[in-house]
Protein backbone atom coordinates (compact mmCIF):
# COMPACT_ATOMS: atom_id res chain seq x y z
CA MET A 1 80.19 123.78 101.67
CA ASN A 2 83.78 123.41 102.79
CA ASN A 3 85.54 120.65 100.75
CA TYR A 4 86.72 118.90 103.87
CA ILE A 5 83.17 118.75 105.27
CA GLU A 6 81.91 117.52 101.90
CA ASN A 7 84.45 114.72 102.04
CA LEU A 8 83.31 113.77 105.56
CA HIS A 9 79.77 113.52 104.18
CA TRP A 10 81.16 111.31 101.40
CA ARG A 11 82.88 108.84 103.74
CA TYR A 12 81.12 105.90 105.34
CA ALA A 13 82.18 102.61 106.92
CA THR A 14 82.69 100.72 103.68
CA LYS A 15 81.37 97.18 103.85
CA GLN A 16 82.20 96.05 100.32
CA PHE A 17 85.56 96.85 98.75
CA ASN A 18 86.58 96.60 95.13
CA SER A 19 89.31 94.01 95.45
CA GLU A 20 90.65 94.87 91.99
CA LYS A 21 91.29 98.54 92.79
CA LYS A 22 94.30 98.99 95.01
CA VAL A 23 95.49 101.91 97.14
CA THR A 24 98.94 102.93 95.95
CA GLU A 25 101.99 102.64 98.19
CA LYS A 26 102.41 106.40 97.89
CA ASP A 27 98.92 107.07 99.22
CA LEU A 28 99.39 104.49 101.96
CA GLU A 29 102.48 106.35 103.14
CA VAL A 30 100.43 109.56 103.45
CA LEU A 31 97.83 107.74 105.55
CA LEU A 32 100.50 106.22 107.78
CA GLU A 33 102.18 109.59 108.24
CA ALA A 34 98.80 111.03 109.30
CA ILE A 35 98.54 108.29 111.92
CA ARG A 36 102.10 108.98 113.06
CA LEU A 37 101.30 112.66 113.51
CA SER A 38 98.16 112.06 115.54
CA ALA A 39 97.74 113.66 118.94
CA SER A 40 98.28 111.57 122.05
CA SER A 41 98.62 112.19 125.78
CA TYR A 42 102.05 113.82 126.36
CA GLY A 43 102.91 112.65 122.84
CA LEU A 44 103.63 109.20 124.26
CA GLN A 45 101.88 107.25 121.49
CA PRO A 46 101.37 104.09 123.57
CA TYR A 47 100.45 102.01 120.52
CA GLU A 48 101.66 100.54 117.29
CA VAL A 49 99.94 99.83 113.97
CA ILE A 50 100.51 96.58 112.11
CA VAL A 51 100.04 97.04 108.36
CA VAL A 52 98.93 93.78 106.72
CA SER A 53 99.03 93.46 102.95
CA ASP A 54 100.06 89.77 102.62
CA PRO A 55 96.97 87.94 101.24
CA ALA A 56 97.90 84.77 103.13
CA VAL A 57 98.07 86.57 106.47
CA LYS A 58 94.80 88.41 105.77
CA ALA A 59 93.15 85.10 104.93
CA LYS A 60 94.41 83.63 108.18
CA LEU A 61 93.03 86.57 110.15
CA LYS A 62 89.66 86.62 108.41
CA PRO A 63 88.02 83.87 110.52
CA ALA A 64 89.06 85.79 113.67
CA ALA A 65 87.07 88.71 112.24
CA PHE A 66 83.98 86.53 111.84
CA GLY A 67 84.54 86.10 108.10
CA GLN A 68 83.95 89.75 107.23
CA PRO A 69 84.96 90.27 103.56
CA GLN A 70 86.61 93.64 104.20
CA ILE A 71 89.58 91.83 105.72
CA THR A 72 90.61 90.19 102.42
CA ASP A 73 88.98 92.46 99.83
CA SER A 74 90.59 95.70 101.01
CA SER A 75 94.06 96.82 99.90
CA TYR A 76 95.42 96.94 103.44
CA LEU A 77 94.38 95.83 106.87
CA LEU A 78 95.61 97.99 109.73
CA VAL A 79 95.65 96.48 113.21
CA PHE A 80 95.74 99.11 115.94
CA ALA A 81 97.34 97.71 119.09
CA TYR A 82 98.08 99.41 122.40
CA ASN A 83 101.22 98.90 124.44
CA THR A 84 100.75 97.01 127.71
CA ASN A 85 104.21 97.86 129.01
CA VAL A 86 104.41 101.64 129.36
CA ASP A 87 107.06 101.67 132.08
CA GLU A 88 110.33 103.41 133.03
CA ASP A 89 112.15 102.00 130.02
CA TYR A 90 109.38 103.20 127.68
CA LEU A 91 109.53 106.63 129.29
CA ASP A 92 113.32 106.81 128.98
CA ALA A 93 113.11 106.03 125.27
CA PHE A 94 110.41 108.67 124.86
CA ILE A 95 112.52 111.31 126.59
CA LYS A 96 115.58 110.38 124.52
CA ASN A 97 113.51 110.76 121.34
CA ASN A 98 112.47 114.23 122.48
CA SER A 99 116.06 115.15 123.16
CA ASP A 100 117.36 113.77 119.84
CA THR A 101 114.53 115.18 117.72
CA ARG A 102 114.73 118.69 119.17
CA ASN A 103 118.51 118.64 119.55
CA GLN A 104 118.27 119.64 123.20
CA PRO A 105 120.05 118.27 126.26
CA ILE A 106 118.15 115.44 127.89
CA GLU A 107 118.14 117.41 131.12
CA ASP A 108 115.74 119.91 129.47
CA PHE A 109 113.06 117.24 129.59
CA GLU A 110 113.36 116.31 133.27
CA GLY A 111 110.19 118.26 134.09
CA LEU A 112 108.22 116.39 131.44
CA LYS A 113 109.65 113.08 132.61
CA ASP A 114 108.71 113.76 136.22
CA MET A 115 105.20 114.78 135.18
CA ILE A 116 104.65 111.51 133.31
CA LYS A 117 106.22 109.53 136.17
CA ASN A 118 103.75 111.07 138.60
CA THR A 119 100.73 110.47 136.38
CA VAL A 120 100.78 107.69 133.79
CA LEU A 121 103.36 105.48 135.52
CA THR A 122 101.33 105.56 138.74
CA PHE A 123 98.26 104.08 137.02
CA SER A 124 97.27 100.52 137.85
CA ASP A 125 97.82 98.04 135.00
CA GLU A 126 94.10 98.04 134.25
CA THR A 127 93.82 101.83 134.21
CA LYS A 128 96.94 102.11 132.09
CA GLU A 129 95.55 99.72 129.48
CA VAL A 130 92.26 101.65 129.32
CA TRP A 131 94.24 104.87 128.92
CA ALA A 132 96.47 103.40 126.20
CA SER A 133 93.53 101.99 124.24
CA ARG A 134 91.84 105.39 124.27
CA GLN A 135 95.00 106.99 122.86
CA THR A 136 94.89 104.42 120.07
CA TYR A 137 91.44 105.58 119.01
CA LEU A 138 92.75 109.13 118.53
CA ALA A 139 95.08 107.77 115.84
CA LEU A 140 92.25 105.77 114.26
CA GLY A 141 90.09 108.87 114.09
CA ASN A 142 92.86 110.81 112.40
CA LEU A 143 93.17 108.07 109.78
CA LEU A 144 89.44 108.23 109.02
CA SER A 145 89.50 111.99 108.47
CA VAL A 146 92.62 112.04 106.29
CA ALA A 147 91.44 109.10 104.20
CA ALA A 148 88.10 110.82 103.58
CA ASP A 149 89.92 113.95 102.46
CA MET A 150 91.90 111.78 100.01
CA LYS A 151 88.73 109.99 98.83
CA ILE A 152 90.08 106.66 100.09
CA ASP A 153 87.64 104.34 101.80
CA VAL A 154 88.18 103.00 105.29
CA CYS A 155 86.08 100.73 107.48
CA PRO A 156 86.89 100.99 111.22
CA MET A 157 86.17 97.65 112.86
CA GLU A 158 85.79 96.28 116.37
CA GLY A 159 84.09 93.09 115.22
CA PHE A 160 86.97 90.70 115.68
CA ASN A 161 88.51 88.46 118.32
CA PRO A 162 91.47 90.38 119.72
CA ALA A 163 92.98 87.35 121.45
CA GLU A 164 93.09 85.42 118.18
CA PHE A 165 94.57 88.36 116.29
CA ASP A 166 97.20 88.78 118.99
CA GLU A 167 98.14 85.12 118.74
CA ILE A 168 98.30 85.04 114.93
CA LEU A 169 100.39 88.23 114.76
CA ASP A 170 102.45 87.33 117.86
CA LEU A 171 101.67 90.70 119.41
CA SER A 172 102.29 89.62 122.98
CA SER A 173 106.02 89.32 122.25
CA LYS A 174 105.99 93.10 121.62
CA HIS A 175 103.81 93.85 124.67
CA LEU A 176 100.87 94.73 122.39
CA LYS A 177 97.14 94.02 122.42
CA SER A 178 94.94 94.63 119.40
CA VAL A 179 91.98 96.92 120.02
CA ALA A 180 90.66 98.05 116.63
CA LEU A 181 91.03 97.40 112.92
CA ALA A 182 90.83 99.56 109.81
CA THR A 183 90.50 98.18 106.30
CA ILE A 184 91.63 100.52 103.53
CA GLY A 185 90.72 100.49 99.86
CA TYR A 186 88.06 101.64 97.43
CA ARG A 187 84.33 100.99 97.66
CA SER A 188 82.63 98.49 95.41
CA GLU A 189 79.86 99.77 93.15
CA GLU A 190 77.77 96.97 94.60
CA ASP A 191 77.90 98.41 98.13
CA GLY A 192 74.37 99.66 98.68
CA LEU A 193 75.44 101.98 101.50
CA ALA A 194 77.76 104.02 99.29
CA ASN A 195 75.08 106.50 98.25
CA ALA A 196 72.97 106.42 101.39
CA LYS A 197 72.47 109.75 103.12
CA LYS A 198 74.57 110.09 106.25
CA VAL A 199 72.52 109.83 109.44
CA ARG A 200 73.78 111.79 112.44
CA LYS A 201 72.32 113.69 115.38
CA SER A 202 71.33 117.28 114.65
CA LYS A 203 73.60 120.05 115.93
CA GLU A 204 70.92 120.96 118.48
CA GLU A 205 70.99 117.39 119.88
CA LEU A 206 74.75 117.01 119.80
CA PHE A 207 76.10 120.34 121.02
CA THR A 208 75.39 122.25 124.20
CA ARG A 209 76.62 125.82 124.15
CA ILE A 210 77.24 127.44 127.51
């Protein structure tokens, strides 16, 4: 079996972390770079990721995640938050980044700018937030795959109170709303799910070939 596929079989949503075994800063940087390189619509990346390692902050957030132990036992807590203010200024900064990164005149990106203006910027606020939150999940999925390939455990989580997280982390001041969490670390030997066989739909159920 392909090593990457073997590692996907190995991964699971870790419920119990070994709080004594920490993910190194070097490995964290690889995971963060994988998130940074994730695909997104037009490359706009309408989200940010808050990396929480401070035990005091994690402890403060834990009740807003219904007391789940992953919040404090993991090495890092990542809060995925989408941007609620994707507007003309956001687009201008995006186009400038394209120009600077590729060392091309900003005029070369006028077609891209017009395309985004006529699509994303025409969305209603509600539609834009739904769109932005979906982009965020692409980055989360990339994290899960890369972490599995590095044999680092991650638990993706939606079981938390976003409004409380937003208040504690002061996300509204940055035009952000939390939508998902990921706790990163190493599984505890006491986690009974660690060796359970992965349950998924069969290929016949999941895929339709036309």
